[in-house]
Protein backbone atom coordinates (compact mmCIF):
# COMPACT_ATOMS: atom_id res chain seq x y z
CA MET A 1 0.00 0.00 0.00
CA THR A 2 1.45 3.32 -1.04
CA THR A 3 0.85 6.63 0.63
CA LEU A 4 1.09 9.99 -1.00
CA GLN A 5 3.21 12.56 0.78
CA THR A 6 2.58 16.23 0.24
CA PRO A 7 5.72 18.26 -0.35
CA VAL A 8 6.65 20.52 2.50
CA ALA A 9 7.30 24.11 1.50
CA THR A 10 10.68 25.32 2.53
CA VAL A 11 11.31 28.91 3.50
CA SER A 12 14.65 30.23 2.40
CA THR A 13 16.40 32.50 4.84
CA PRO A 14 18.50 35.35 3.51
CA VAL A 15 22.20 34.66 3.61
CA ALA A 16 24.32 37.31 5.18
CA ASP A 17 26.84 38.97 2.90
CA PRO A 18 29.56 40.45 5.13
CA PRO A 19 31.83 41.48 2.22
CA GLY A 20 28.92 43.29 0.56
CA ALA A 21 28.07 45.06 3.81
CA VAL A 22 31.70 46.13 4.26
CA ARG A 23 31.80 47.52 0.72
CA ARG A 24 28.54 49.37 1.29
CA ILE A 25 29.72 50.92 4.55
CA ALA A 26 33.19 51.75 3.23
CA GLY A 27 31.72 53.35 0.11
CA ALA A 28 29.29 55.44 2.14
CA VAL A 29 31.98 56.56 4.58
CA SER A 30 34.25 57.64 1.72
CA LEU A 31 31.74 60.32 0.64
CA PRO A 32 32.11 62.64 3.65
CA LEU A 33 35.66 61.48 4.43
CA MET A 34 37.06 63.05 1.26
CA PHE A 35 35.65 66.46 2.19
CA VAL A 36 36.89 66.14 5.77
CA LEU A 37 40.41 65.51 4.46
CA LEU A 38 40.16 68.52 2.14
CA ILE A 39 38.92 70.79 4.94
CA ILE A 40 41.74 69.79 7.31
CA GLY A 41 44.31 70.12 4.52
CA ASN A 42 42.94 73.54 3.61
CA VAL A 43 43.17 74.73 7.21
CA LEU A 44 46.74 73.44 7.57
CA ASP A 45 47.98 74.88 4.27
CA PRO A 46 50.01 78.03 5.13
CA VAL A 47 50.17 79.20 1.51
CA ASP A 48 47.74 81.47 -0.31
CA PRO A 49 47.82 80.21 -3.92
CA SER A 50 46.59 83.57 -5.21
CA GLN A 51 49.82 85.26 -4.11
CA HIS A 52 53.07 85.48 -6.03
CA TYR A 53 55.43 82.54 -5.56
CA ALA A 54 57.93 84.71 -3.70
CA ARG A 55 55.27 85.54 -1.08
CA GLN A 56 54.22 81.89 -0.96
CA GLN A 57 57.76 80.70 -0.28
CA GLN A 58 58.17 83.32 2.46
CA ALA A 59 54.90 82.23 4.07
CA LEU A 60 56.01 78.61 3.85
CA THR A 61 59.18 79.21 5.88
CA GLY A 62 58.69 77.91 9.39
CA HIS A 63 55.53 76.00 8.46
CA GLU A 64 57.09 73.04 6.73
CA SER A 65 55.32 70.44 8.91
CA ALA A 66 51.90 71.98 8.27
CA MET A 67 52.56 72.06 4.54
CA GLY A 68 53.80 68.48 4.58
CA ALA A 69 50.67 67.33 6.41
CA SER A 70 48.51 69.26 3.93
CA VAL A 71 50.26 67.54 1.01
CA VAL A 72 49.75 64.10 2.55
CA LEU A 73 46.05 64.78 3.13
CA GLN A 74 45.72 65.99 -0.47
CA LEU A 75 47.22 62.76 -1.78
CA ILE A 76 45.06 60.61 0.50
CA GLY A 77 42.03 62.63 -0.57
CA ALA A 78 42.76 61.79 -4.20
CA GLY A 79 42.67 58.10 -3.34
CA VAL A 80 39.43 58.50 -1.38
CA LEU A 81 37.95 60.33 -4.37
CA ILE A 82 38.39 57.14 -6.40
CA ALA A 83 36.49 55.30 -3.64
CA VAL A 84 33.71 57.90 -3.98
CA VAL A 85 33.54 57.16 -7.72
CA LEU A 86 33.26 53.42 -7.06
CA ALA A 87 30.67 53.90 -4.31
CA ILE A 88 28.35 56.05 -6.42
CA ALA A 89 28.85 54.23 -9.71
CA GLY A 90 28.25 50.90 -7.99
CA ARG A 91 24.90 52.05 -6.59
CA THR A 92 23.64 53.99 -9.61
CA ARG A 93 20.80 52.36 -11.44
CA GLY A 94 18.14 53.37 -13.94
CA ARG A 95 17.90 57.07 -14.68
CA GLY A 96 21.27 57.92 -13.15
CA ARG A 97 23.39 55.67 -15.35
CA ILE A 98 23.97 58.21 -18.13
CA ALA A 99 25.11 60.94 -15.74
CA ALA A 100 27.32 58.43 -13.90
CA GLY A 101 28.86 57.43 -17.23
CA PHE A 102 30.05 61.01 -17.70
CA GLY A 103 30.85 61.64 -14.04
CA VAL A 104 33.18 58.68 -13.54
CA PRO A 105 35.92 59.63 -16.06
CA ILE A 106 35.71 63.35 -15.20
CA THR A 107 36.15 62.62 -11.50
CA VAL A 108 39.02 60.20 -12.12
CA ILE A 109 40.80 62.98 -14.02
CA GLY A 110 40.05 65.22 -11.05
CA ALA A 111 41.77 62.74 -8.74
CA ILE A 112 44.84 62.89 -10.97
CA ALA A 113 44.74 66.70 -10.76
CA MET A 114 44.60 66.46 -6.95
CA VAL A 115 47.73 64.31 -7.01
CA MET A 116 49.45 66.90 -9.21
CA THR A 117 48.46 69.66 -6.78
CA GLY A 118 49.88 67.70 -3.87
CA LEU A 119 53.13 67.09 -5.74
CA HIS A 120 53.32 70.81 -6.51
CA GLY A 121 53.21 71.54 -2.78
CA LEU A 122 55.92 68.95 -2.23
CA PHE A 123 58.01 70.67 -4.89
CA GLN A 124 57.60 73.98 -3.07
CA LEU A 125 58.88 72.33 0.10
CA ALA A 126 61.89 70.97 -1.78
CA LEU A 127 62.74 74.49 -3.00
CA LEU A 128 62.74 76.04 0.49
CA PRO A 129 66.55 75.85 0.90
CA GLN A 130 66.95 77.91 -2.28
CA PRO A 131 66.83 81.73 -2.31
CA VAL A 132 63.27 83.04 -2.60
CA ALA A 133 63.93 84.61 -6.02
CA THR A 134 65.38 81.37 -7.35
CA ALA A 135 62.51 79.25 -6.01
CA ALA A 136 59.94 81.65 -7.48
CA ALA A 137 61.66 81.57 -10.87
CA VAL A 138 61.72 77.75 -10.89
CA LEU A 139 58.03 77.54 -9.92
CA GLU A 140 57.08 80.06 -12.61
CA GLN A 141 59.06 78.04 -15.15
CA LEU A 142 57.20 74.93 -14.01
CA ASP A 143 53.88 76.70 -14.58
CA SER A 144 54.94 77.72 -18.07
CA LEU A 145 55.91 74.14 -18.91
CA VAL A 146 52.61 72.72 -17.65
CA GLY A 147 50.61 75.45 -19.37
CA PRO A 148 47.04 76.62 -18.81
CA MET A 149 45.72 73.07 -19.17
CA PHE A 150 46.54 72.46 -15.51
CA LEU A 151 44.10 75.21 -14.51
CA VAL A 152 41.41 73.36 -16.46
CA LEU A 153 42.30 70.11 -14.70
CA LEU A 154 41.86 71.78 -11.31
CA PHE A 155 38.14 72.15 -12.00
CA THR A 156 37.56 68.56 -13.09
CA ALA A 157 37.18 67.22 -9.54
CA PRO A 158 34.34 69.57 -8.49
CA VAL A 159 32.67 69.23 -11.91
CA GLY A 160 32.93 65.45 -11.72
CA LEU A 161 31.53 65.39 -8.19
CA PHE A 162 28.58 67.50 -9.28
CA VAL A 163 27.86 65.15 -12.20
CA LEU A 164 28.04 62.20 -9.78
CA ALA A 165 25.67 64.09 -7.48
CA LEU A 166 23.30 64.47 -10.44
CA ALA A 167 23.55 60.73 -11.06
CA SER A 168 22.88 60.04 -7.36
CA TRP A 169 19.84 62.29 -7.33
CA ARG A 170 18.49 60.78 -10.55
CA ALA A 171 19.05 57.30 -9.11
CA GLY A 172 17.08 58.26 -6.01
CA PHE A 173 19.61 58.05 -3.19
CA MET A 174 20.61 61.72 -2.97
CA PRO A 175 17.82 63.89 -1.56
CA LEU A 176 16.90 67.00 -3.53
CA PRO A 177 18.16 69.43 -0.82
CA ALA A 178 21.50 67.60 -0.80
CA PHE A 179 21.68 67.91 -4.59
CA ILE A 180 21.03 71.66 -4.32
CA LEU A 181 23.92 71.88 -1.85
CA ALA A 182 26.10 69.96 -4.34
CA ALA A 183 25.21 72.57 -6.98
CA ALA A 184 26.16 75.34 -4.53
CA PHE A 185 29.44 73.50 -3.90
CA LEU A 186 30.22 73.57 -7.63
CA VAL A 187 29.36 77.27 -7.96
CA GLY A 188 31.52 78.11 -4.95
CA GLU A 189 34.45 76.16 -6.40
CA LEU A 190 34.18 77.84 -9.78
CA ILE A 191 33.50 81.35 -8.44
CA PRO A 192 35.17 81.70 -5.00
CA VAL A 193 33.82 85.18 -4.19
CA LEU A 194 32.72 84.62 -0.60
CA PRO A 195 34.96 85.19 2.43
CA MET A 196 36.93 82.00 3.05
CA GLY A 197 36.00 81.21 -0.55
CA GLU A 198 38.06 78.02 -0.68
CA LEU A 199 36.65 76.57 2.55
CA ILE A 200 32.90 77.28 2.39
CA PRO A 201 32.24 75.28 -0.82
CA VAL A 202 34.01 72.26 0.65
CA VAL A 203 31.81 72.49 3.75
CA LEU A 204 28.74 72.57 1.50
CA GLY A 205 30.07 69.48 -0.28
CA LEU A 206 30.59 67.77 3.07
CA ILE A 207 26.96 68.39 4.06
CA SER A 208 25.65 67.28 0.67
CA PHE A 209 27.62 64.06 0.34
CA GLY A 210 27.47 63.34 4.08
CA TRP A 211 23.68 63.46 3.85
CA THR A 212 23.83 61.05 0.93
CA ALA A 213 26.14 58.75 2.91
CA VAL A 214 23.53 58.51 5.67
CA VAL A 215 20.90 57.56 3.07
CA LEU A 216 23.19 54.85 1.67
CA LEU A 217 23.88 53.48 5.14
CA LEU A 218 20.17 53.32 5.97
CA ARG A 219 19.44 51.53 2.71
CA ARG A 220 20.66 47.98 3.12
CA ALA A 221 19.91 46.97 -0.44
């Protein structure tokens, strides 16, 4: 005699993904971390880049440690910027993919420009033992060799971050107020007319991308 057995439904339990959680948390943390590094480096930097190189070298004398720390933070910030690119590009879906496609290469070029800026500060430190006039002449010659293209490269990081912010907003994980702050960050970087014009835009970027980081941390998907 045979008996029929009804199949028992099995309920699958979600499997934890610790590596995925680590990547999600690390990616979210990188967003505000980059701006924190830039703010600290900006505060430590004893040089006003708008001044003539002779004045910059004079201001640098006696503040070598602060300048060295600023250079290190600039170089670390460039690496963290790549992590920001990976974090946003990896979470961008749907409507944000086109903007992310443009934002990724622009921001990577911006990271290279940040490295060049850090190396320029290191070069200024290396020229400190030289007479001020000699150091200024060498730095001016360096500028002439690099050409105006370097000035264009300096703007690629903020432009790339704004395009990534656009992708994040279109993808739905950057709130609209945070995106507006990202737009204000870009305007402040391109037109530094406010007092502390180099610091205020970075603070706006910190608030914007820090807000987005909180959203990413709260979203476990």
